[in-house]
Amino acid sequence: MNWFKSLWGGAANLGRSDNETIQQRIRRHVERRGGTPAVWFAPDQFCSYSQMNENATGISQALKSASGASSPRVCFPMPRGSSALYGFLGAIECGTCCPLDGKLRQNEFDEAYSVLLPDVVLSSEPQSIGVKVAAAAGIAVVIYEISSDHGNCRIVDVRPARNMQRSDRLMTLTSGEAPAVLMRTSGTTAQPKLVGLTHANVLAATDTMQVAFELTESDICLTPMPNLLPAEKASGRRPGAQQPDVRVEGAVRPASFRVDL
């Protein structure tokens, strides 16, 4: 059986607007089929769309509370598995997500934070280097954890910022909106740049997959998490820019999933 399918069913885009955000699309699915599996962890173990949405909302509320910003910029050193999915969705629900490699070294986190200027850092690993660097810099931190059955997450620590002021140099797109995803990438140039993607950019990537692979709502995708896609596939940007692959309309199976085929 081919497990490498996912996401968008034939009815997935009913009622879709060109200005739709990622969380709005998820909520449409919650309304239509809230009890349907959205994320599988084992053959008989899954998280529904309603649970997934609740997990993201809980993280989003904690990020707003810790940052004190209505639309915070969130640096997210990405873990593996369901933690990455819930954290990413929670970050983009409340503001802009800046996904980072969770294995960066201390000096690399220092540099990333100094360029991305986050209001808050989100992590599921309280003792990670990314959290320690953020704490030393006085950046607000939110720590969350996933239950043993992978279906629920809870906030375990919220650390407000110390002597931090929101920068006036935060990036906006030509439309005036804050990006859904913001990355620091050198692309094909020697000088690193900030690359922003709108909600429409991210959704366009998954819509393209639906068409290319003829996916339906009943299809299931085996997805190693975190899974990064070149941003040029979503928005026509130059190679090298990357974004999280958002699996929000079909079932997603983390890399730890095993099945006898």
C-alpha atoms as a PDB file:
ATOM      1  CA  MET A   1       0.000   0.000   0.000  1.00  0.00           C
ATOM      2  CA  ASN A   2       1.265   3.464  -0.861  1.00  0.00           C
ATOM      3  CA  TRP A   3       1.330   5.630   2.298  1.00  0.00           C
ATOM      4  CA  PHE A   4       3.015   8.575   0.546  1.00  0.00           C
ATOM      5  CA  LYS A   5      -0.165  10.518  -0.095  1.00  0.00           C
ATOM      6  CA  SER A   6      -1.879  13.233   1.875  1.00  0.00           C
ATOM      7  CA  LEU A   7      -3.742  16.401   2.425  1.00  0.00           C
ATOM      8  CA  TRP A   8      -6.264  17.845   0.104  1.00  0.00           C
ATOM      9  CA  GLY A   9      -9.423  16.007  -0.836  1.00  0.00           C
ATOM     10  CA  GLY A  10     -11.715  16.763  -3.731  1.00  0.00           C
ATOM     11  CA  ALA A  11     -13.975  18.713  -1.384  1.00  0.00           C
ATOM     12  CA  ALA A  12     -11.106  20.223   0.580  1.00  0.00           C
ATOM     13  CA  ASN A  13     -11.259  23.643  -1.029  1.00  0.00           C
ATOM     14  CA  LEU A  14     -15.009  24.190  -0.876  1.00  0.00           C
ATOM     15  CA  GLY A  15     -15.677  27.707   0.363  1.00  0.00           C
ATOM     16  CA  ARG A  16     -12.063  28.684   0.014  1.00  0.00           C
ATOM     17  CA  SER A  17     -11.123  32.367  -0.224  1.00  0.00           C
ATOM     18  CA  ASP A  18      -7.988  33.753  -1.855  1.00  0.00           C
ATOM     19  CA  ASN A  19      -7.350  35.616   1.425  1.00  0.00           C
ATOM     20  CA  GLU A  20      -7.764  32.498   3.554  1.00  0.00           C
ATOM     21  CA  THR A  21      -5.232  31.908   6.315  1.00  0.00           C
ATOM     22  CA  ILE A  22      -3.865  28.524   7.313  1.00  0.00           C
ATOM     23  CA  GLN A  23      -5.790  28.507  10.582  1.00  0.00           C
ATOM     24  CA  GLN A  24      -9.010  29.436   8.759  1.00  0.00           C
ATOM     25  CA  ARG A  25      -8.591  26.443   6.496  1.00  0.00           C
ATOM     26  CA  ILE A  26      -7.994  24.184   9.474  1.00  0.00           C
ATOM     27  CA  ARG A  27     -11.110  25.537  11.188  1.00  0.00           C
ATOM     28  CA  ARG A  28     -13.171  24.793   8.094  1.00  0.00           C
ATOM     29  CA  HIS A  29     -12.105  21.193   8.498  1.00  0.00           C
ATOM     30  CA  VAL A  30     -12.892  21.265  12.205  1.00  0.00           C
ATOM     31  CA  GLU A  31     -16.411  22.420  11.362  1.00  0.00           C
ATOM     32  CA  ARG A  32     -16.872  19.853   8.586  1.00  0.00           C
ATOM     33  CA  ARG A  33     -15.196  16.821  10.133  1.00  0.00           C
ATOM     34  CA  GLY A  34     -13.742  17.649  13.551  1.00  0.00           C
ATOM     35  CA  GLY A  35     -13.553  14.022  14.666  1.00  0.00           C
ATOM     36  CA  THR A  36     -11.708  12.844  11.542  1.00  0.00           C
ATOM     37  CA  PRO A  37      -8.050  11.795  12.048  1.00  0.00           C
ATOM     38  CA  ALA A  38      -5.650  14.600  11.137  1.00  0.00           C
ATOM     39  CA  VAL A  39      -2.424  13.103  12.524  1.00  0.00           C
ATOM     40  CA  TRP A  40      -1.716   9.387  12.897  1.00  0.00           C
ATOM     41  CA  PHE A  41       0.885   8.025  15.332  1.00  0.00           C
ATOM     42  CA  ALA A  42       0.139   4.305  15.110  1.00  0.00           C
ATOM     43  CA  PRO A  43      -2.411   2.176  13.230  1.00  0.00           C
ATOM     44  CA  ASP A  44      -4.992   2.704  15.992  1.00  0.00           C
ATOM     45  CA  GLN A  45      -3.762   5.998  17.463  1.00  0.00           C
ATOM     46  CA  PHE A  46      -4.531   9.432  16.038  1.00  0.00           C
ATOM     47  CA  CYS A  47      -5.250  13.081  16.783  1.00  0.00           C
ATOM     48  CA  SER A  48      -8.430  14.534  15.278  1.00  0.00           C
ATOM     49  CA  TYR A  49      -8.751  17.906  13.567  1.00  0.00           C
ATOM     50  CA  SER A  50     -10.496  19.249  16.671  1.00  0.00           C
ATOM     51  CA  GLN A  51      -7.666  18.079  18.943  1.00  0.00           C
ATOM     52  CA  MET A  52      -5.035  19.449  16.582  1.00  0.00           C
ATOM     53  CA  ASN A  53      -6.769  22.811  16.498  1.00  0.00           C
ATOM     54  CA  GLU A  54      -7.082  22.892  20.310  1.00  0.00           C
ATOM     55  CA  ASN A  55      -3.372  22.118  20.688  1.00  0.00           C
ATOM     56  CA  ALA A  56      -2.415  24.912  18.288  1.00  0.00           C
ATOM     57  CA  THR A  57      -4.745  27.380  19.992  1.00  0.00           C
ATOM     58  CA  GLY A  58      -3.296  26.608  23.433  1.00  0.00           C
ATOM     59  CA  ILE A  59       0.227  27.268  22.182  1.00  0.00           C
ATOM     60  CA  SER A  60      -0.914  30.433  20.380  1.00  0.00           C
ATOM     61  CA  GLN A  61      -2.487  31.883  23.525  1.00  0.00           C
ATOM     62  CA  ALA A  62       0.651  31.188  25.565  1.00  0.00           C
ATOM     63  CA  LEU A  63       2.824  32.895  22.932  1.00  0.00           C
ATOM     64  CA  LYS A  64       0.671  36.030  23.006  1.00  0.00           C
ATOM     65  CA  SER A  65       0.702  36.074  26.809  1.00  0.00           C
ATOM     66  CA  ALA A  66       4.478  35.659  27.076  1.00  0.00           C
ATOM     67  CA  SER A  67       5.329  38.181  24.365  1.00  0.00           C
ATOM     68  CA  GLY A  68       2.764  40.823  25.209  1.00  0.00           C
ATOM     69  CA  ALA A  69       2.275  41.303  21.446  1.00  0.00           C
ATOM     70  CA  SER A  70      -0.984  40.882  19.561  1.00  0.00           C
ATOM     71  CA  SER A  71       0.882  39.366  16.598  1.00  0.00           C
ATOM     72  CA  PRO A  72       4.246  38.127  17.889  1.00  0.00           C
ATOM     73  CA  ARG A  73       7.233  37.026  15.858  1.00  0.00           C
ATOM     74  CA  VAL A  74       8.044  33.509  17.070  1.00  0.00           C
ATOM     75  CA  CYS A  75      11.412  31.803  16.652  1.00  0.00           C
ATOM     76  CA  PHE A  76      10.811  28.060  16.686  1.00  0.00           C
ATOM     77  CA  PRO A  77      13.788  25.658  16.902  1.00  0.00           C
ATOM     78  CA  MET A  78      11.951  22.720  15.369  1.00  0.00           C
ATOM     79  CA  PRO A  79      11.838  19.314  17.075  1.00  0.00           C
ATOM     80  CA  ARG A  80      10.845  16.080  15.363  1.00  0.00           C
ATOM     81  CA  GLY A  81       7.447  14.438  15.186  1.00  0.00           C
ATOM     82  CA  SER A  82       4.106  15.856  16.265  1.00  0.00           C
ATOM     83  CA  SER A  83       5.784  18.516  18.426  1.00  0.00           C
ATOM     84  CA  ALA A  84       6.933  20.273  15.253  1.00  0.00           C
ATOM     85  CA  LEU A  85       3.461  20.264  13.699  1.00  0.00           C
ATOM     86  CA  TYR A  86       1.653  21.585  16.792  1.00  0.00           C
ATOM     87  CA  GLY A  87       4.314  24.212  17.460  1.00  0.00           C
ATOM     88  CA  PHE A  88       4.319  25.484  13.889  1.00  0.00           C
ATOM     89  CA  LEU A  89       0.531  25.730  13.711  1.00  0.00           C
ATOM     90  CA  GLY A  90       0.424  27.480  17.094  1.00  0.00           C
ATOM     91  CA  ALA A  91       3.041  30.022  16.020  1.00  0.00           C
ATOM     92  CA  ILE A  92       1.369  30.966  12.735  1.00  0.00           C
ATOM     93  CA  GLU A  93      -2.040  31.150  14.403  1.00  0.00           C
ATOM     94  CA  CYS A  94      -0.920  34.067  16.558  1.00  0.00           C
ATOM     95  CA  GLY A  95       1.714  35.746  14.389  1.00  0.00           C
ATOM     96  CA  THR A  96       4.807  34.980  12.310  1.00  0.00           C
ATOM     97  CA  CYS A  97       6.707  31.699  12.643  1.00  0.00           C
ATOM     98  CA  CYS A  98      10.487  31.745  12.162  1.00  0.00           C
ATOM     99  CA  PRO A  99      11.441  28.049  11.911  1.00  0.00           C
ATOM    100  CA  LEU A 100      15.013  27.233  12.904  1.00  0.00           C
ATOM    101  CA  ASP A 101      17.133  24.109  12.869  1.00  0.00           C
ATOM    102  CA  GLY A 102      16.893  22.796  16.432  1.00  0.00           C
ATOM    103  CA  LYS A 103      20.496  21.580  16.246  1.00  0.00           C
ATOM    104  CA  LEU A 104      22.136  24.984  15.756  1.00  0.00           C
ATOM    105  CA  ARG A 105      25.139  25.820  17.935  1.00  0.00           C
ATOM    106  CA  GLN A 106      25.096  28.559  20.554  1.00  0.00           C
ATOM    107  CA  ASN A 107      26.752  31.172  18.350  1.00  0.00           C
ATOM    108  CA  GLU A 108      24.359  30.296  15.509  1.00  0.00           C
ATOM    109  CA  PHE A 109      21.321  30.820  17.750  1.00  0.00           C
ATOM    110  CA  ASP A 110      22.819  34.127  18.918  1.00  0.00           C
ATOM    111  CA  GLU A 111      23.159  35.264  15.323  1.00  0.00           C
ATOM    112  CA  ALA A 112      19.710  34.007  14.288  1.00  0.00           C
ATOM    113  CA  TYR A 113      17.967  35.798  17.152  1.00  0.00           C
ATOM    114  CA  SER A 114      19.870  39.019  16.505  1.00  0.00           C
ATOM    115  CA  VAL A 115      18.691  39.028  12.879  1.00  0.00           C
ATOM    116  CA  LEU A 116      15.164  37.662  13.248  1.00  0.00           C
ATOM    117  CA  LEU A 117      14.379  39.809  16.336  1.00  0.00           C
ATOM    118  CA  PRO A 118      11.804  37.450  17.882  1.00  0.00           C
ATOM    119  CA  ASP A 119       9.251  38.539  20.459  1.00  0.00           C
ATOM    120  CA  VAL A 120       9.256  35.020  21.884  1.00  0.00           C
ATOM    121  CA  VAL A 121      10.987  31.653  21.439  1.00  0.00           C
ATOM    122  CA  LEU A 122       8.889  28.474  21.361  1.00  0.00           C
ATOM    123  CA  SER A 123      10.337  25.082  22.276  1.00  0.00           C
ATOM    124  CA  SER A 124       9.350  21.596  23.418  1.00  0.00           C
ATOM    125  CA  GLU A 125      12.864  21.025  24.818  1.00  0.00           C
ATOM    126  CA  PRO A 126      13.378  23.098  28.015  1.00  0.00           C
ATOM    127  CA  GLN A 127      17.101  22.351  28.286  1.00  0.00           C
ATOM    128  CA  SER A 128      17.937  22.989  24.646  1.00  0.00           C
ATOM    129  CA  ILE A 129      20.622  25.418  23.523  1.00  0.00           C
ATOM    130  CA  GLY A 130      18.025  27.551  21.734  1.00  0.00           C
ATOM    131  CA  VAL A 131      16.105  28.065  25.000  1.00  0.00           C
ATOM    132  CA  LYS A 132      19.246  28.848  26.996  1.00  0.00           C
ATOM    133  CA  VAL A 133      20.418  31.424  24.452  1.00  0.00           C
ATOM    134  CA  ALA A 134      16.969  33.057  24.439  1.00  0.00           C
ATOM    135  CA  ALA A 135      16.891  33.213  28.236  1.00  0.00           C
ATOM    136  CA  ALA A 136      20.367  34.760  28.366  1.00  0.00           C
ATOM    137  CA  ALA A 137      19.272  37.394  25.839  1.00  0.00           C
ATOM    138  CA  GLY A 138      16.128  38.226  27.811  1.00  0.00           C
ATOM    139  CA  ILE A 139      13.775  36.949  25.106  1.00  0.00           C
ATOM    140  CA  ALA A 140      10.418  35.559  26.237  1.00  0.00           C
ATOM    141  CA  VAL A 141      10.200  31.746  26.138  1.00  0.00           C
ATOM    142  CA  VAL A 142       7.263  29.330  25.973  1.00  0.00           C
ATOM    143  CA  ILE A 143       7.846  25.634  26.696  1.00  0.00           C
ATOM    144  CA  TYR A 144       5.286  22.983  25.793  1.00  0.00           C
ATOM    145  CA  GLU A 145       5.203  19.195  25.912  1.00  0.00           C
ATOM    146  CA  ILE A 146       3.331  16.453  24.091  1.00  0.00           C
ATOM    147  CA  SER A 147       1.439  13.706  25.910  1.00  0.00           C
ATOM    148  CA  SER A 148       2.684  10.126  25.690  1.00  0.00           C
ATOM    149  CA  ASP A 149      -0.089   9.280  23.236  1.00  0.00           C
ATOM    150  CA  HIS A 150       0.895  12.287  21.063  1.00  0.00           C
ATOM    151  CA  GLY A 151      -2.681  13.526  21.003  1.00  0.00           C
ATOM    152  CA  ASN A 152      -2.486  16.459  23.402  1.00  0.00           C
ATOM    153  CA  CYS A 153      -0.018  19.138  24.384  1.00  0.00           C
ATOM    154  CA  ARG A 154       0.213  21.401  27.415  1.00  0.00           C
ATOM    155  CA  ILE A 155       2.168  24.510  28.339  1.00  0.00           C
ATOM    156  CA  VAL A 156       4.712  23.719  31.043  1.00  0.00           C
ATOM    157  CA  ASP A 157       6.570  27.035  31.345  1.00  0.00           C
ATOM    158  CA  VAL A 158       6.085  30.658  30.274  1.00  0.00           C
ATOM    159  CA  ARG A 159       8.980  33.070  30.791  1.00  0.00           C
ATOM    160  CA  PRO A 160       8.249  36.730  30.003  1.00  0.00           C
ATOM    161  CA  ALA A 161      10.853  38.902  28.324  1.00  0.00           C
ATOM    162  CA  ARG A 162      13.343  40.877  30.381  1.00  0.00           C
ATOM    163  CA  ASN A 163      14.014  44.480  29.327  1.00  0.00           C
ATOM    164  CA  MET A 164      13.051  43.757  25.740  1.00  0.00           C
ATOM    165  CA  GLN A 165      11.270  46.188  23.433  1.00  0.00           C
ATOM    166  CA  ARG A 166       9.578  45.257  20.185  1.00  0.00           C
ATOM    167  CA  SER A 167      11.684  46.406  17.262  1.00  0.00           C
ATOM    168  CA  ASP A 168      10.402  48.984  14.786  1.00  0.00           C
ATOM    169  CA  ARG A 169      12.299  47.167  12.027  1.00  0.00           C
ATOM    170  CA  LEU A 170      10.068  44.117  11.812  1.00  0.00           C
ATOM    171  CA  MET A 171       9.504  42.972   8.267  1.00  0.00           C
ATOM    172  CA  THR A 172       6.184  43.419   6.488  1.00  0.00           C
ATOM    173  CA  LEU A 173       5.270  42.311   2.996  1.00  0.00           C
ATOM    174  CA  THR A 174       4.299  44.603   0.133  1.00  0.00           C
ATOM    175  CA  SER A 175       0.653  44.114   1.094  1.00  0.00           C
ATOM    176  CA  GLY A 176       1.435  45.538   4.537  1.00  0.00           C
ATOM    177  CA  GLU A 177       0.749  42.250   6.319  1.00  0.00           C
ATOM    178  CA  ALA A 178       3.199  40.397   8.516  1.00  0.00           C
ATOM    179  CA  PRO A 179       4.457  37.173   6.899  1.00  0.00           C
ATOM    180  CA  ALA A 180       3.101  33.819   8.057  1.00  0.00           C
ATOM    181  CA  VAL A 181       6.612  32.354   7.828  1.00  0.00           C
ATOM    182  CA  LEU A 182       9.903  34.236   8.001  1.00  0.00           C
ATOM    183  CA  MET A 183      13.248  32.596   7.258  1.00  0.00           C
ATOM    184  CA  ARG A 184      16.832  33.708   7.124  1.00  0.00           C
ATOM    185  CA  THR A 185      18.500  32.256   4.072  1.00  0.00           C
ATOM    186  CA  SER A 186      21.390  33.078   1.807  1.00  0.00           C
ATOM    187  CA  GLY A 187      19.669  31.547  -1.201  1.00  0.00           C
ATOM    188  CA  THR A 188      22.011  31.854  -4.167  1.00  0.00           C
ATOM    189  CA  THR A 189      23.723  34.928  -2.764  1.00  0.00           C
ATOM    190  CA  ALA A 190      26.559  35.234  -0.290  1.00  0.00           C
ATOM    191  CA  GLN A 191      24.684  37.696   1.905  1.00  0.00           C
ATOM    192  CA  PRO A 192      21.930  36.159   4.094  1.00  0.00           C
ATOM    193  CA  LYS A 193      18.492  37.692   3.655  1.00  0.00           C
ATOM    194  CA  LEU A 194      15.107  37.542   5.323  1.00  0.00           C
ATOM    195  CA  VAL A 195      12.530  35.756   3.177  1.00  0.00           C
ATOM    196  CA  GLY A 196       8.858  36.054   4.080  1.00  0.00           C
ATOM    197  CA  LEU A 197       5.987  33.845   2.926  1.00  0.00           C
ATOM    198  CA  THR A 198       2.312  34.715   3.150  1.00  0.00           C
ATOM    199  CA  HIS A 199      -0.409  32.302   4.201  1.00  0.00           C
ATOM    200  CA  ALA A 200      -1.349  32.152   0.516  1.00  0.00           C
ATOM    201  CA  ASN A 201       2.219  31.082  -0.380  1.00  0.00           C
ATOM    202  CA  VAL A 202       2.138  28.195   2.094  1.00  0.00           C
ATOM    203  CA  LEU A 203      -1.338  27.052   1.113  1.00  0.00           C
ATOM    204  CA  ALA A 204      -0.439  27.255  -2.578  1.00  0.00           C
ATOM    205  CA  ALA A 205       2.319  24.698  -2.036  1.00  0.00           C
ATOM    206  CA  THR A 206      -0.089  22.167  -0.555  1.00  0.00           C
ATOM    207  CA  ASP A 207      -2.749  22.912  -3.177  1.00  0.00           C
ATOM    208  CA  THR A 208      -0.150  22.183  -5.846  1.00  0.00           C
ATOM    209  CA  MET A 209       0.580  18.805  -4.215  1.00  0.00           C
ATOM    210  CA  GLN A 210      -3.117  17.967  -4.261  1.00  0.00           C
ATOM    211  CA  VAL A 211      -3.287  18.499  -8.003  1.00  0.00           C
ATOM    212  CA  ALA A 212       0.063  16.886  -8.818  1.00  0.00           C
ATOM    213  CA  PHE A 213      -0.611  13.693  -6.834  1.00  0.00           C
ATOM    214  CA  GLU A 214      -4.402  13.603  -7.313  1.00  0.00           C
ATOM    215  CA  LEU A 215      -4.947  13.442  -3.567  1.00  0.00           C
ATOM    216  CA  THR A 216      -8.262  12.962  -1.816  1.00  0.00           C
ATOM    217  CA  GLU A 217      -9.383  13.455   1.778  1.00  0.00           C
ATOM    218  CA  SER A 218      -9.089   9.706   2.394  1.00  0.00           C
ATOM    219  CA  ASP A 219      -5.398   9.563   1.394  1.00  0.00           C
ATOM    220  CA  ILE A 220      -2.699   9.272   4.066  1.00  0.00           C
ATOM    221  CA  CYS A 221       0.839  10.670   3.898  1.00  0.00           C
ATOM    222  CA  LEU A 222       3.909   9.294   5.624  1.00  0.00           C
ATOM    223  CA  THR A 223       5.673  12.542   6.538  1.00  0.00           C
ATOM    224  CA  PRO A 224       9.052  12.789   8.310  1.00  0.00           C
ATOM    225  CA  MET A 225       8.821  15.828  10.609  1.00  0.00           C
ATOM    226  CA  PRO A 226      10.147  18.438  10.386  1.00  0.00           C
ATOM    227  CA  ASN A 227       9.906  18.362   6.629  1.00  0.00           C
ATOM    228  CA  LEU A 228      11.276  21.460   4.872  1.00  0.00           C
ATOM    229  CA  LEU A 229      10.309  22.368   1.332  1.00  0.00           C
ATOM    230  CA  PRO A 230      12.145  24.844  -0.879  1.00  0.00           C
ATOM    231  CA  ALA A 231      10.208  28.096  -0.734  1.00  0.00           C
ATOM    232  CA  GLU A 232      10.562  28.557  -4.467  1.00  0.00           C
ATOM    233  CA  LYS A 233       8.112  25.662  -4.877  1.00  0.00           C
ATOM    234  CA  ALA A 234       5.552  27.704  -2.987  1.00  0.00           C
ATOM    235  CA  SER A 235       6.215  31.197  -4.238  1.00  0.00           C
ATOM    236  CA  GLY A 236       8.668  31.141  -7.131  1.00  0.00           C
ATOM    237  CA  ARG A 237      11.517  32.358  -4.935  1.00  0.00           C
ATOM    238  CA  ARG A 238      15.138  31.501  -5.608  1.00  0.00           C
ATOM    239  CA  PRO A 239      16.500  28.095  -4.524  1.00  0.00           C
ATOM    240  CA  GLY A 240      17.777  27.874  -0.965  1.00  0.00           C
ATOM    241  CA  ALA A 241      14.846  29.479   0.826  1.00  0.00           C
ATOM    242  CA  GLN A 242      12.965  26.877   2.853  1.00  0.00           C
ATOM    243  CA  GLN A 243       9.629  26.603   4.606  1.00  0.00           C
ATOM    244  CA  PRO A 244       7.829  23.995   6.723  1.00  0.00           C
ATOM    245  CA  ASP A 245       5.643  21.630   4.724  1.00  0.00           C
ATOM    246  CA  VAL A 246       2.224  22.256   6.251  1.00  0.00           C
ATOM    247  CA  ARG A 247       0.083  19.143   6.230  1.00  0.00           C
ATOM    248  CA  VAL A 248      -3.220  20.580   7.340  1.00  0.00           C
ATOM    249  CA  GLU A 249      -5.960  18.979   5.265  1.00  0.00           C
ATOM    250  CA  GLY A 250      -5.192  15.260   5.266  1.00  0.00           C
ATOM    251  CA  ALA A 251      -3.726  12.784   7.687  1.00  0.00           C
ATOM    252  CA  VAL A 252      -0.047  13.095   8.608  1.00  0.00           C
ATOM    253  CA  ARG A 253       2.050  10.262  10.000  1.00  0.00           C
ATOM    254  CA  PRO A 254       5.267  11.229  11.825  1.00  0.00           C
ATOM    255  CA  ALA A 255       8.591   9.584  10.989  1.00  0.00           C
ATOM    256  CA  SER A 256       8.306   7.309  14.051  1.00  0.00           C
ATOM    257  CA  PHE A 257       5.244   5.572  12.583  1.00  0.00           C
ATOM    258  CA  ARG A 258       5.817   1.955  11.585  1.00  0.00           C
ATOM    259  CA  VAL A 259       3.488  -0.365   9.734  1.00  0.00           C
ATOM    260  CA  ASP A 260       3.894  -3.816   8.262  1.00  0.00           C
ATOM    261  CA  LEU A 261       3.110  -3.380   4.576  1.00  0.00           C
END
